[in-house]
Each structure stands twice: as C-alpha cells, then as structure tokens.
N, C-alpha and C. Protein backbone atom coordinates (compact mmCIF):
# COMPACT_ATOMS: atom_id res chain seq x y z
N MET A 1 25.80 -7.79 6.10
CA MET A 1 25.34 -6.43 6.17
C MET A 1 23.84 -6.47 6.62
N ARG A 2 23.53 -5.63 7.60
CA ARG A 2 22.18 -5.63 8.13
C ARG A 2 21.35 -4.52 7.42
N GLY A 3 20.11 -4.80 7.14
CA GLY A 3 19.21 -3.85 6.51
C GLY A 3 18.52 -3.01 7.57
N PRO A 4 17.61 -2.21 7.17
CA PRO A 4 16.85 -1.40 8.14
C PRO A 4 16.10 -2.27 9.08
N GLY A 5 15.72 -1.69 10.27
CA GLY A 5 14.97 -2.44 11.24
C GLY A 5 13.58 -2.72 10.81
N PRO A 6 12.81 -3.37 11.70
CA PRO A 6 11.45 -3.73 11.40
C PRO A 6 10.62 -2.46 11.18
N VAL A 7 9.57 -2.59 10.37
CA VAL A 7 8.65 -1.48 10.07
C VAL A 7 7.50 -1.52 11.05
N THR A 8 7.16 -0.36 11.55
CA THR A 8 6.00 -0.28 12.48
C THR A 8 4.98 0.70 11.92
N GLU A 9 3.74 0.65 12.35
CA GLU A 9 2.74 1.60 11.90
C GLU A 9 2.88 2.89 12.77
N VAL A 10 2.84 4.06 12.09
CA VAL A 10 2.86 5.32 12.76
C VAL A 10 1.49 5.57 13.34
N PRO A 11 1.40 5.84 14.67
CA PRO A 11 0.06 6.14 15.20
C PRO A 11 -0.37 7.52 14.83
N ASP A 12 -1.70 7.70 14.64
CA ASP A 12 -2.28 9.01 14.35
C ASP A 12 -2.51 9.73 15.67
N VAL A 13 -1.76 10.76 15.99
CA VAL A 13 -1.83 11.45 17.22
C VAL A 13 -2.38 12.90 17.07
N VAL A 14 -2.77 13.28 15.84
CA VAL A 14 -3.33 14.57 15.63
C VAL A 14 -4.60 14.80 16.48
N GLY A 15 -4.70 15.90 17.20
CA GLY A 15 -5.86 16.16 18.01
C GLY A 15 -5.64 15.72 19.49
N LEU A 16 -4.60 15.02 19.76
CA LEU A 16 -4.30 14.60 21.15
C LEU A 16 -3.42 15.64 21.85
N GLY A 17 -3.41 15.60 23.15
CA GLY A 17 -2.55 16.40 23.97
C GLY A 17 -1.09 15.99 23.68
N ALA A 18 -0.16 16.95 23.71
CA ALA A 18 1.22 16.74 23.38
C ALA A 18 1.86 15.61 24.23
N ASP A 19 1.60 15.62 25.53
CA ASP A 19 2.19 14.61 26.40
C ASP A 19 1.76 13.20 26.03
N ASP A 20 0.43 13.06 25.88
CA ASP A 20 -0.12 11.73 25.49
C ASP A 20 0.39 11.33 24.11
N ALA A 21 0.48 12.26 23.18
CA ALA A 21 0.90 11.97 21.85
C ALA A 21 2.36 11.44 21.83
N CYS A 22 3.19 12.10 22.62
CA CYS A 22 4.61 11.69 22.72
C CYS A 22 4.72 10.24 23.27
N ASP A 23 3.90 9.99 24.33
CA ASP A 23 3.92 8.61 24.93
C ASP A 23 3.53 7.57 23.88
N ILE A 24 2.46 7.86 23.15
CA ILE A 24 1.94 6.92 22.14
C ILE A 24 2.97 6.65 21.08
N VAL A 25 3.61 7.74 20.53
CA VAL A 25 4.62 7.60 19.55
C VAL A 25 5.80 6.73 20.04
N ARG A 26 6.23 7.01 21.28
CA ARG A 26 7.35 6.24 21.86
C ARG A 26 6.95 4.79 22.05
N ARG A 27 5.76 4.49 22.46
CA ARG A 27 5.31 3.08 22.65
C ARG A 27 5.30 2.38 21.32
N ALA A 28 5.13 3.09 20.21
CA ALA A 28 5.13 2.45 18.87
C ALA A 28 6.57 2.25 18.39
N GLY A 29 7.55 2.56 19.21
CA GLY A 29 8.95 2.36 18.86
C GLY A 29 9.54 3.48 17.98
N LEU A 30 8.87 4.64 18.00
CA LEU A 30 9.31 5.76 17.22
C LEU A 30 9.73 6.96 18.12
N LYS A 31 10.35 7.93 17.51
CA LYS A 31 10.88 9.11 18.34
C LYS A 31 10.13 10.38 17.98
N PRO A 32 9.32 10.94 18.92
CA PRO A 32 8.67 12.20 18.68
C PRO A 32 9.65 13.35 18.69
N VAL A 33 9.61 14.23 17.71
CA VAL A 33 10.45 15.40 17.64
C VAL A 33 9.66 16.65 17.16
N PRO A 34 10.14 17.85 17.55
CA PRO A 34 9.47 19.01 17.03
C PRO A 34 9.99 19.43 15.69
N PRO A 35 9.25 20.22 14.93
CA PRO A 35 9.74 20.63 13.60
C PRO A 35 10.99 21.48 13.60
N ASP A 36 11.29 22.23 14.71
CA ASP A 36 12.38 23.13 14.76
C ASP A 36 13.62 22.60 15.43
N GLY A 37 13.57 21.34 15.82
CA GLY A 37 14.73 20.72 16.45
C GLY A 37 14.88 21.03 17.94
N GLY A 38 14.02 21.80 18.55
CA GLY A 38 14.11 22.12 19.94
C GLY A 38 13.50 20.98 20.75
N GLU A 39 12.82 21.35 21.87
CA GLU A 39 12.13 20.37 22.68
C GLU A 39 10.63 20.46 22.39
N LEU A 40 9.98 19.27 22.46
CA LEU A 40 8.53 19.26 22.34
C LEU A 40 7.89 19.81 23.58
N PRO A 41 6.88 20.67 23.44
CA PRO A 41 6.15 21.13 24.60
C PRO A 41 5.34 19.93 25.16
N MET A 42 5.16 19.95 26.45
CA MET A 42 4.36 18.87 27.06
C MET A 42 2.94 19.24 27.30
N SER A 43 2.57 20.43 26.86
CA SER A 43 1.15 20.83 26.89
C SER A 43 0.77 21.38 25.49
N GLY A 44 -0.50 21.42 25.25
CA GLY A 44 -0.97 21.86 23.94
C GLY A 44 -1.53 20.69 23.15
N ILE A 45 -1.95 20.95 21.98
CA ILE A 45 -2.62 19.98 21.13
C ILE A 45 -1.83 19.73 19.87
N VAL A 46 -1.65 18.48 19.50
CA VAL A 46 -0.94 18.17 18.24
C VAL A 46 -1.88 18.55 17.07
N THR A 47 -1.39 19.42 16.19
CA THR A 47 -2.17 19.88 15.06
C THR A 47 -1.81 19.20 13.75
N ALA A 48 -0.61 18.62 13.73
CA ALA A 48 -0.11 17.92 12.49
C ALA A 48 1.00 17.05 12.83
N GLN A 49 1.27 16.08 12.00
CA GLN A 49 2.39 15.18 12.17
C GLN A 49 2.95 14.75 10.82
N ARG A 50 4.24 14.33 10.83
CA ARG A 50 4.82 13.77 9.64
C ARG A 50 5.76 12.68 10.05
N PRO A 51 5.70 11.41 9.62
CA PRO A 51 4.72 10.97 8.62
C PRO A 51 3.33 10.86 9.18
N ILE A 52 2.35 10.85 8.34
CA ILE A 52 0.97 10.83 8.76
C ILE A 52 0.66 9.48 9.46
N GLY A 53 -0.42 9.49 10.22
CA GLY A 53 -0.88 8.30 10.89
C GLY A 53 -1.19 7.17 9.89
N ALA A 54 -0.92 5.95 10.32
CA ALA A 54 -1.13 4.74 9.55
C ALA A 54 -0.03 4.47 8.48
N ALA A 55 0.89 5.40 8.34
CA ALA A 55 2.03 5.19 7.48
C ALA A 55 3.00 4.21 8.14
N GLY A 56 3.77 3.62 7.38
CA GLY A 56 4.83 2.72 7.88
C GLY A 56 6.13 3.48 8.12
N ALA A 57 6.81 3.10 9.12
CA ALA A 57 8.14 3.73 9.44
C ALA A 57 9.02 2.67 10.12
N VAL A 58 10.31 2.77 9.84
CA VAL A 58 11.26 1.91 10.48
C VAL A 58 11.30 2.24 11.93
N GLU A 59 11.33 1.22 12.80
CA GLU A 59 11.42 1.42 14.24
C GLU A 59 12.62 2.35 14.58
N GLY A 60 12.34 3.31 15.45
CA GLY A 60 13.34 4.29 15.83
C GLY A 60 13.35 5.56 15.02
N ALA A 61 12.52 5.55 13.96
CA ALA A 61 12.45 6.73 13.07
C ALA A 61 11.76 7.91 13.79
N GLU A 62 11.99 9.12 13.34
CA GLU A 62 11.40 10.32 13.94
C GLU A 62 10.03 10.58 13.39
N VAL A 63 9.15 11.02 14.24
CA VAL A 63 7.83 11.47 13.89
C VAL A 63 7.77 12.93 14.34
N VAL A 64 7.68 13.85 13.35
CA VAL A 64 7.65 15.29 13.62
C VAL A 64 6.25 15.66 14.04
N LEU A 65 6.14 16.37 15.20
CA LEU A 65 4.83 16.78 15.71
C LEU A 65 4.80 18.32 15.79
N TRP A 66 3.71 18.86 15.22
CA TRP A 66 3.47 20.32 15.36
C TRP A 66 2.46 20.46 16.45
N VAL A 67 2.76 21.29 17.44
CA VAL A 67 1.88 21.42 18.62
C VAL A 67 1.37 22.85 18.74
N HIS A 68 0.05 23.01 18.85
CA HIS A 68 -0.56 24.31 19.13
C HIS A 68 -0.40 24.51 20.64
N PRO A 69 0.14 25.66 21.07
CA PRO A 69 0.46 25.86 22.45
C PRO A 69 -0.73 25.95 23.39
N GLY A 70 -1.94 26.21 22.93
CA GLY A 70 -3.12 26.35 23.80
C GLY A 70 -3.55 24.99 24.34
N LYS A 71 -4.42 25.01 25.34
CA LYS A 71 -4.97 23.74 25.88
C LYS A 71 -5.91 23.12 24.89
N GLU A 72 -6.62 23.89 24.08
CA GLU A 72 -7.53 23.34 23.09
C GLU A 72 -7.25 24.03 21.78
N SER A 73 -7.35 23.24 20.73
CA SER A 73 -7.20 23.79 19.38
C SER A 73 -8.53 24.37 18.92
N PRO A 74 -8.55 25.62 18.51
CA PRO A 74 -9.86 26.25 18.08
C PRO A 74 -10.38 25.53 16.88
N VAL A 75 -11.71 25.37 16.85
CA VAL A 75 -12.35 24.66 15.72
C VAL A 75 -12.10 25.47 14.49
N GLY A 76 -11.67 24.81 13.44
CA GLY A 76 -11.43 25.45 12.16
C GLY A 76 -10.08 26.22 12.10
N ALA A 77 -9.25 26.08 13.11
CA ALA A 77 -8.00 26.76 13.13
C ALA A 77 -7.11 26.20 12.04
N ALA A 78 -6.35 27.03 11.42
CA ALA A 78 -5.41 26.58 10.38
C ALA A 78 -4.22 25.92 11.03
N SER A 79 -3.79 24.88 10.43
CA SER A 79 -2.60 24.16 10.96
C SER A 79 -1.36 24.76 10.28
N THR A 80 -0.31 24.85 11.10
CA THR A 80 0.96 25.31 10.55
C THR A 80 1.83 24.14 10.08
N GLY A 81 1.23 22.94 10.09
CA GLY A 81 1.96 21.77 9.72
C GLY A 81 1.84 21.42 8.25
N PRO A 82 2.28 20.21 7.88
CA PRO A 82 2.27 19.81 6.48
C PRO A 82 0.87 19.49 6.02
N LEU A 83 0.64 19.69 4.69
CA LEU A 83 -0.70 19.49 4.16
C LEU A 83 -1.13 18.02 4.16
N GLU A 84 -0.23 17.08 4.13
CA GLU A 84 -0.64 15.68 4.09
C GLU A 84 -1.23 15.19 5.43
N SER A 85 -1.22 16.07 6.47
CA SER A 85 -1.83 15.62 7.71
C SER A 85 -3.32 15.95 7.75
N ALA A 86 -3.81 16.71 6.76
CA ALA A 86 -5.22 17.09 6.74
C ALA A 86 -6.08 15.87 6.48
N SER A 87 -7.21 15.74 7.16
CA SER A 87 -8.09 14.61 6.90
C SER A 87 -9.06 14.97 5.79
N PRO A 88 -9.31 14.01 4.88
CA PRO A 88 -10.24 14.25 3.79
C PRO A 88 -11.64 14.28 4.28
N ASP A 89 -12.42 15.23 3.87
CA ASP A 89 -13.86 15.31 4.29
C ASP A 89 -14.72 15.26 3.07
C-alpha cells in the first residue's frame, strides 16, 4: 500500500499577479484553484491563499487563491480570504 506523495513547501504568492502566482504554485508541484470552484482569473492580485505560504503540502494538493480583480490591490483593502493568510505586524 502506498502512502501520500512527497511533501513540498507551499509558495507564498499573496501580493503577486494571478498569472505569476498560478505559475509559481504549479512549479511547486501544486494545483492552484479558486475558492468557488470556477476558473482562476489570469489578471488581478492574489489577496489570500490557503494553505498559507511556507506550509507543507503533499505534491499535487490544491492551493486555493483569492484574487482581487483589479490590476492593483488598494493599500489597506480588506481581504475576502481566510484570516490565516494575514501577515503579523
């Protein structure tokens, strides 16, 4: 019986453009997905992700990306994503 695949580090892509973020997640051996099950937009800024960056995940696992549709995320804008993606200040 085979166990789960190898574990890889989840890249932190919050703040990056959606297209670049998806490429980085795929290169890490993971699958970028939107929170609603549709298609990820290829423009906009990633405002949150789950699991968070630097977490471990089995290769092939999904990384949920929340994307703000604008070209730039407004400074201080509230994220509609999970709370664990917030950076401690």
